[in-house]
Amino acid sequence: MGDPRPTVPDMPPSEQAHHLTATGNGPTATDEQARLTDEFGNPNPSGVYGAPTVEDGGDTA
């Protein structure tokens, strides 16, 4: 791997915003939700697929 990206400790949020860029990343497949559901089951209420559940010993937060 290359060098880690430079970071500035305690950068104020207003300056952080200037470094953000839109990636244009969206779903990588037109049927992405169906593929995720097939692989991991239905998403939790937060929309996360395959997240641990209380029954699995995971956190609900």
C-alpha atoms as a PDB file:
ATOM      1  CA  MET A   1       0.000   0.000   0.000  1.00  0.00           C
ATOM      2  CA  GLY A   2       1.008   3.557  -0.490  1.00  0.00           C
ATOM      3  CA  ASP A   3       1.595   6.197   2.095  1.00  0.00           C
ATOM      4  CA  PRO A   4      -1.387   6.922   4.339  1.00  0.00           C
ATOM      5  CA  ARG A   5      -3.301  10.025   3.452  1.00  0.00           C
ATOM      6  CA  PRO A   6      -2.232  13.052   5.432  1.00  0.00           C
ATOM      7  CA  THR A   7      -4.412  14.010   8.350  1.00  0.00           C
ATOM      8  CA  VAL A   8      -4.694  17.137  10.413  1.00  0.00           C
ATOM      9  CA  PRO A   9      -5.534  16.569  14.076  1.00  0.00           C
ATOM     10  CA  ASP A  10      -8.412  18.648  15.411  1.00  0.00           C
ATOM     11  CA  MET A  11      -9.367  20.059  12.002  1.00  0.00           C
ATOM     12  CA  PRO A  12     -12.471  22.216  12.443  1.00  0.00           C
ATOM     13  CA  PRO A  13     -15.613  20.912  10.731  1.00  0.00           C
ATOM     14  CA  SER A  14     -15.785  23.972   8.486  1.00  0.00           C
ATOM     15  CA  GLU A  15     -12.368  23.089   7.067  1.00  0.00           C
ATOM     16  CA  GLN A  16     -13.245  19.383   6.825  1.00  0.00           C
ATOM     17  CA  ALA A  17     -16.159  20.296   4.586  1.00  0.00           C
ATOM     18  CA  HIS A  18     -13.782  21.844   2.052  1.00  0.00           C
ATOM     19  CA  HIS A  19     -11.981  18.494   1.710  1.00  0.00           C
ATOM     20  CA  LEU A  20     -15.121  16.462   1.020  1.00  0.00           C
ATOM     21  CA  THR A  21     -15.878  15.573  -2.569  1.00  0.00           C
ATOM     22  CA  ALA A  22     -18.807  13.826  -4.173  1.00  0.00           C
ATOM     23  CA  THR A  23     -17.712  10.458  -5.511  1.00  0.00           C
ATOM     24  CA  GLY A  24     -20.768   9.718  -7.578  1.00  0.00           C
ATOM     25  CA  ASN A  25     -20.724   6.219  -6.122  1.00  0.00           C
ATOM     26  CA  GLY A  26     -24.098   4.604  -6.166  1.00  0.00           C
ATOM     27  CA  PRO A  27     -25.218   1.019  -6.272  1.00  0.00           C
ATOM     28  CA  THR A  28     -22.698  -1.068  -8.190  1.00  0.00           C
ATOM     29  CA  ALA A  29     -25.425  -3.312  -9.588  1.00  0.00           C
ATOM     30  CA  THR A  30     -29.013  -2.541 -10.540  1.00  0.00           C
ATOM     31  CA  ASP A  31     -30.199  -5.392  -8.299  1.00  0.00           C
ATOM     32  CA  GLU A  32     -27.838  -4.637  -5.402  1.00  0.00           C
ATOM     33  CA  GLN A  33     -30.555  -4.727  -2.710  1.00  0.00           C
ATOM     34  CA  ALA A  34     -31.759  -8.138  -3.908  1.00  0.00           C
ATOM     35  CA  ARG A  35     -28.199  -9.481  -3.928  1.00  0.00           C
ATOM     36  CA  LEU A  36     -27.541  -8.182  -0.419  1.00  0.00           C
ATOM     37  CA  THR A  37     -30.790  -9.686   0.844  1.00  0.00           C
ATOM     38  CA  ASP A  38     -29.931 -13.044  -0.759  1.00  0.00           C
ATOM     39  CA  GLU A  39     -26.493 -13.009   0.862  1.00  0.00           C
ATOM     40  CA  PHE A  40     -27.234 -11.513   4.294  1.00  0.00           C
ATOM     41  CA  GLY A  41     -31.022 -11.532   4.793  1.00  0.00           C
ATOM     42  CA  ASN A  42     -33.199  -8.483   5.272  1.00  0.00           C
ATOM     43  CA  PRO A  43     -31.554  -5.279   6.513  1.00  0.00           C
ATOM     44  CA  ASN A  44     -32.039  -4.148  10.098  1.00  0.00           C
ATOM     45  CA  PRO A  45     -34.144  -1.025  10.824  1.00  0.00           C
ATOM     46  CA  SER A  46     -31.063   1.133  10.118  1.00  0.00           C
ATOM     47  CA  GLY A  47     -30.690  -0.404   6.652  1.00  0.00           C
ATOM     48  CA  VAL A  48     -27.591  -2.464   7.488  1.00  0.00           C
ATOM     49  CA  TYR A  49     -27.364  -5.916   5.933  1.00  0.00           C
ATOM     50  CA  GLY A  50     -25.808  -8.732   7.957  1.00  0.00           C
ATOM     51  CA  ALA A  51     -25.466  -6.717  11.150  1.00  0.00           C
ATOM     52  CA  PRO A  52     -25.262  -8.729  14.379  1.00  0.00           C
ATOM     53  CA  THR A  53     -28.557  -8.996  16.219  1.00  0.00           C
ATOM     54  CA  VAL A  54     -29.289  -9.207  19.915  1.00  0.00           C
ATOM     55  CA  GLU A  55     -29.786 -12.978  19.467  1.00  0.00           C
ATOM     56  CA  ASP A  56     -26.279 -13.149  17.945  1.00  0.00           C
ATOM     57  CA  GLY A  57     -24.847 -11.286  20.929  1.00  0.00           C
ATOM     58  CA  GLY A  58     -24.479  -8.072  18.946  1.00  0.00           C
ATOM     59  CA  ASP A  59     -25.367  -4.556  19.905  1.00  0.00           C
ATOM     60  CA  THR A  60     -28.655  -3.024  18.791  1.00  0.00           C
ATOM     61  CA  ALA A  61     -27.301   0.529  18.729  1.00  0.00           C
END
